[in-house]
Protein backbone atom coordinates (compact mmCIF):
# COMPACT_ATOMS: atom_id res chain seq x y z
CA UNK A 1 0.00 0.00 0.00
CA UNK A 2 1.59 3.20 -1.21
CA UNK A 3 1.17 6.80 -0.09
CA UNK A 4 -0.89 7.46 -3.22
CA UNK A 5 -3.27 4.65 -2.22
CA UNK A 6 -3.83 6.22 1.20
CA UNK A 7 -4.25 9.75 -0.18
CA UNK A 8 -6.79 8.37 -2.68
CA UNK A 9 -8.61 6.73 0.24
CA UNK A 10 -8.78 10.07 2.09
CA UNK A 11 -9.87 11.87 -1.10
CA UNK A 12 -12.70 9.41 -1.69
CA UNK A 13 -13.89 9.56 1.92
CA UNK A 14 -13.80 13.35 2.21
CA UNK A 15 -14.80 14.06 -1.40
CA UNK A 16 -17.88 11.85 -1.26
CA UNK A 17 -19.18 13.70 1.79
CA UNK A 18 -18.16 17.18 0.61
CA UNK A 19 -19.76 16.76 -2.82
CA UNK A 20 -22.94 15.20 -1.42
CA UNK A 21 -23.44 18.02 1.11
CA UNK A 22 -25.21 20.65 -0.97
CA UNK A 23 -28.02 22.78 0.47
CA UNK A 24 -31.18 24.10 -1.11
CA UNK A 25 -32.75 21.01 -2.58
CA UNK A 26 -34.91 18.15 -1.47
CA UNK A 27 -32.78 15.55 0.30
CA UNK A 28 -34.34 12.64 -1.54
CA UNK A 29 -33.08 13.95 -4.92
CA UNK A 30 -29.50 14.06 -3.64
CA UNK A 31 -29.84 10.66 -1.97
CA UNK A 32 -31.15 9.11 -5.19
CA UNK A 33 -28.28 10.70 -7.15
CA UNK A 34 -25.73 9.38 -4.63
CA UNK A 35 -27.32 5.92 -4.78
CA UNK A 36 -27.31 5.89 -8.58
CA UNK A 37 -23.69 7.03 -8.62
CA UNK A 38 -22.77 4.29 -6.16
CA UNK A 39 -24.56 1.63 -8.23
CA UNK A 40 -22.98 2.88 -11.46
CA UNK A 41 -19.56 2.95 -9.83
CA UNK A 42 -19.90 -0.57 -8.46
CA UNK A 43 -21.01 -1.80 -11.88
CA UNK A 44 -18.16 0.07 -13.61
CA UNK A 45 -15.40 -0.93 -11.20
CA UNK A 46 -16.28 -4.55 -10.64
CA UNK A 47 -15.43 -6.44 -7.49
CA UNK A 48 -11.88 -5.21 -6.80
CA UNK A 49 -10.83 -2.79 -9.51
CA UNK A 50 -9.48 0.69 -8.65
CA UNK A 51 -9.58 3.26 -11.48
CA UNK A 52 -6.64 5.37 -12.65
CA UNK A 53 -5.63 7.61 -9.78
CA UNK A 54 -4.91 10.62 -11.99
CA UNK A 55 -8.41 10.69 -13.48
CA UNK A 56 -10.09 10.37 -10.10
CA UNK A 57 -8.04 13.27 -8.76
CA UNK A 58 -8.66 15.54 -11.75
CA UNK A 59 -12.40 14.81 -11.85
CA UNK A 60 -12.86 15.47 -8.14
CA UNK A 61 -10.77 18.64 -8.39
CA UNK A 62 -12.87 19.95 -11.29
CA UNK A 63 -16.22 19.22 -9.62
CA UNK A 64 -15.06 20.70 -6.29
CA UNK A 65 -13.74 23.83 -8.05
CA UNK A 66 -17.07 24.24 -9.84
CA UNK A 67 -18.97 23.94 -6.58
CA UNK A 68 -16.54 26.26 -4.80
CA UNK A 69 -16.83 28.93 -7.50
CA UNK A 70 -20.62 28.85 -7.15
CA UNK A 71 -20.97 28.15 -10.89
CA UNK A 72 -23.64 25.58 -10.21
CA UNK A 73 -27.28 25.03 -10.97
CA UNK A 74 -29.66 22.43 -9.64
CA UNK A 75 -28.52 20.01 -12.35
CA UNK A 76 -24.89 20.59 -11.42
CA UNK A 77 -25.69 19.82 -7.79
CA UNK A 78 -27.27 16.54 -8.88
CA UNK A 79 -24.18 15.79 -10.97
CA UNK A 80 -22.01 16.53 -7.91
CA UNK A 81 -24.14 14.14 -5.84
CA UNK A 82 -23.80 11.50 -8.58
CA UNK A 83 -20.00 11.98 -8.57
CA UNK A 84 -20.13 11.63 -4.77
CA UNK A 85 -21.78 8.24 -5.29
CA UNK A 86 -19.10 7.20 -7.79
CA UNK A 87 -16.43 8.31 -5.29
CA UNK A 88 -18.17 6.13 -2.73
CA UNK A 89 -17.83 3.22 -5.14
CA UNK A 90 -14.11 3.95 -5.56
CA UNK A 91 -13.83 4.10 -1.76
CA UNK A 92 -15.68 0.78 -1.57
CA UNK A 93 -13.25 -0.80 -4.02
CA UNK A 94 -10.30 0.50 -1.97
CA UNK A 95 -11.84 -1.04 1.13
CA UNK A 96 -12.29 -4.31 -0.79
CA UNK A 97 -8.61 -4.27 -1.82
CA UNK A 98 -7.76 -3.78 1.86
CA UNK A 99 -9.68 -6.96 2.67
CA UNK A 100 -13.20 -5.95 3.78
CA UNK A 101 -16.17 -8.07 2.71
CA UNK A 102 -18.36 -6.62 -0.05
CA UNK A 103 -21.43 -5.68 2.02
CA UNK A 104 -19.36 -4.16 4.83
CA UNK A 105 -17.40 -2.08 2.32
CA UNK A 106 -20.62 -0.90 0.64
CA UNK A 107 -22.17 0.07 3.99
CA UNK A 108 -19.06 1.95 5.14
CA UNK A 109 -18.67 3.78 1.83
CA UNK A 110 -22.35 4.60 1.27
CA UNK A 111 -23.38 5.80 4.74
CA UNK A 112 -21.40 9.08 5.08
CA UNK A 113 -22.45 10.69 1.75
CA UNK A 114 -26.05 9.54 2.21
CA UNK A 115 -26.16 11.08 5.69
CA UNK A 116 -24.56 14.30 4.37
CA UNK A 117 -27.02 14.44 1.45
CA UNK A 118 -29.94 14.07 3.87
CA UNK A 119 -28.83 16.29 6.75
CA UNK A 120 -27.41 19.26 4.82
CA UNK A 121 -30.74 20.46 3.36
CA UNK A 122 -32.86 19.41 6.34
CA UNK A 123 -30.64 20.79 9.13
CA UNK A 124 -28.69 23.90 8.09
CA UNK A 125 -26.54 23.77 11.25
CA UNK A 126 -25.23 20.33 10.23
CA UNK A 127 -22.90 21.79 7.59
CA UNK A 128 -22.76 25.60 7.48
CA UNK A 129 -21.55 27.29 4.32
CA UNK A 130 -18.05 27.97 5.70
CA UNK A 131 -17.55 24.29 6.60
CA UNK A 132 -18.77 23.16 3.17
CA UNK A 133 -16.45 25.64 1.43
CA UNK A 134 -13.43 24.54 3.44
CA UNK A 135 -14.24 20.88 2.81
CA UNK A 136 -14.50 21.60 -0.92
CA UNK A 137 -11.19 23.49 -0.85
CA UNK A 138 -9.48 20.57 0.91
CA UNK A 139 -11.11 18.15 -1.54
CA UNK A 140 -9.90 20.21 -4.50
CA UNK A 141 -6.35 20.32 -3.09
CA UNK A 142 -6.34 16.59 -2.39
CA UNK A 143 -7.61 15.99 -5.94
CA UNK A 144 -4.62 17.87 -7.34
CA UNK A 145 -2.26 15.97 -5.05
CA UNK A 146 -3.75 12.62 -6.06
CA UNK A 147 -3.54 13.55 -9.74
CA UNK A 148 0.11 14.59 -9.50
CA UNK A 149 1.39 12.09 -6.91
CA UNK A 150 2.09 9.07 -9.15
CA UNK A 151 4.27 11.11 -11.54
CA UNK A 152 6.06 12.89 -8.69
CA UNK A 153 6.80 9.60 -6.91
CA UNK A 154 8.01 8.05 -10.17
CA UNK A 155 10.28 11.02 -10.84
CA UNK A 156 11.55 11.03 -7.28
CA UNK A 157 12.46 7.33 -7.48
CA UNK A 158 14.28 7.73 -10.76
CA UNK A 159 16.15 10.78 -9.46
CA UNK A 160 17.18 8.89 -6.34
CA UNK A 161 18.42 5.98 -8.44
CA UNK A 162 20.36 8.30 -10.74
CA UNK A 163 21.98 10.19 -7.88
CA UNK A 164 23.19 7.27 -5.78
CA UNK A 165 26.86 7.96 -5.16
CA UNK A 166 27.53 7.31 -1.52
CA UNK A 167 25.37 5.06 0.59
CA UNK A 168 26.29 6.93 3.79
CA UNK A 169 24.67 10.18 2.61
CA UNK A 170 21.08 10.82 3.54
CA UNK A 171 18.45 12.33 1.30
CA UNK A 172 17.83 16.01 1.95
CA UNK A 173 14.37 17.44 1.45
CA UNK A 174 14.45 19.74 -1.59
CA UNK A 175 13.75 23.44 -1.10
CA UNK A 176 10.82 23.40 -3.55
CA UNK A 177 9.02 20.83 -1.37
CA UNK A 178 9.32 23.04 1.71
CA UNK A 179 8.28 26.11 -0.33
CA UNK A 180 5.22 24.29 -1.69
CA UNK A 181 4.16 23.19 1.80
CA UNK A 182 4.59 26.73 3.19
CA UNK A 183 2.63 28.16 0.24
CA UNK A 184 -0.21 25.65 0.70
CA UNK A 185 -0.50 26.39 4.41
CA UNK A 186 -0.32 30.16 3.84
CA UNK A 187 -2.94 30.03 1.08
CA UNK A 188 -5.23 28.00 3.33
CA UNK A 189 -4.83 30.50 6.15
CA UNK A 190 -5.46 33.48 3.86
CA UNK A 191 -8.53 31.76 2.41
CA UNK A 192 -9.91 31.06 5.90
CA UNK A 193 -9.38 34.67 6.94
CA UNK A 194 -10.96 35.90 3.71
CA UNK A 195 -14.04 33.68 4.12
CA UNK A 196 -14.56 34.69 7.76
CA UNK A 197 -13.87 38.39 7.25
């Protein structure tokens, strides 16, 4: 189990809930869309297949960015709920690869987005707008990380293999990695201040 596998697991768990939690519509419409997405995803993936990590990350990032930019209509909210169901199916397949039985994996993967789809429109205090926006921002960021991670890891491994000179030297963390982490944390802090202010 690689780091990419675990980040994909977190993306599916958080993304399914964040995309299913959309206010202003009847909860049964969102729950049906999540259920249809889950069924379509289970049919598409099969018993233990996990889709290409890059496509999952890019799709989730695009849908989360659309929801975050408020460029959505009622149809787009239903599409987001459907994608939440498909993410639940990907999450279910990851749980199956980890060794869970089919029905347990389906129950674990389907319950959180279904609950979010039901409680967000019926109880506004369940997921206020600021919490939904921050969850979508985290989901969008994780989608980009998941989309880029396989290529970065592959490049890192090849660079390490090409630069092996002395086995006593340790690997030093590159400056761009530290700069990227500082930028991501700073951008998150500025966004939180902007949304609250």
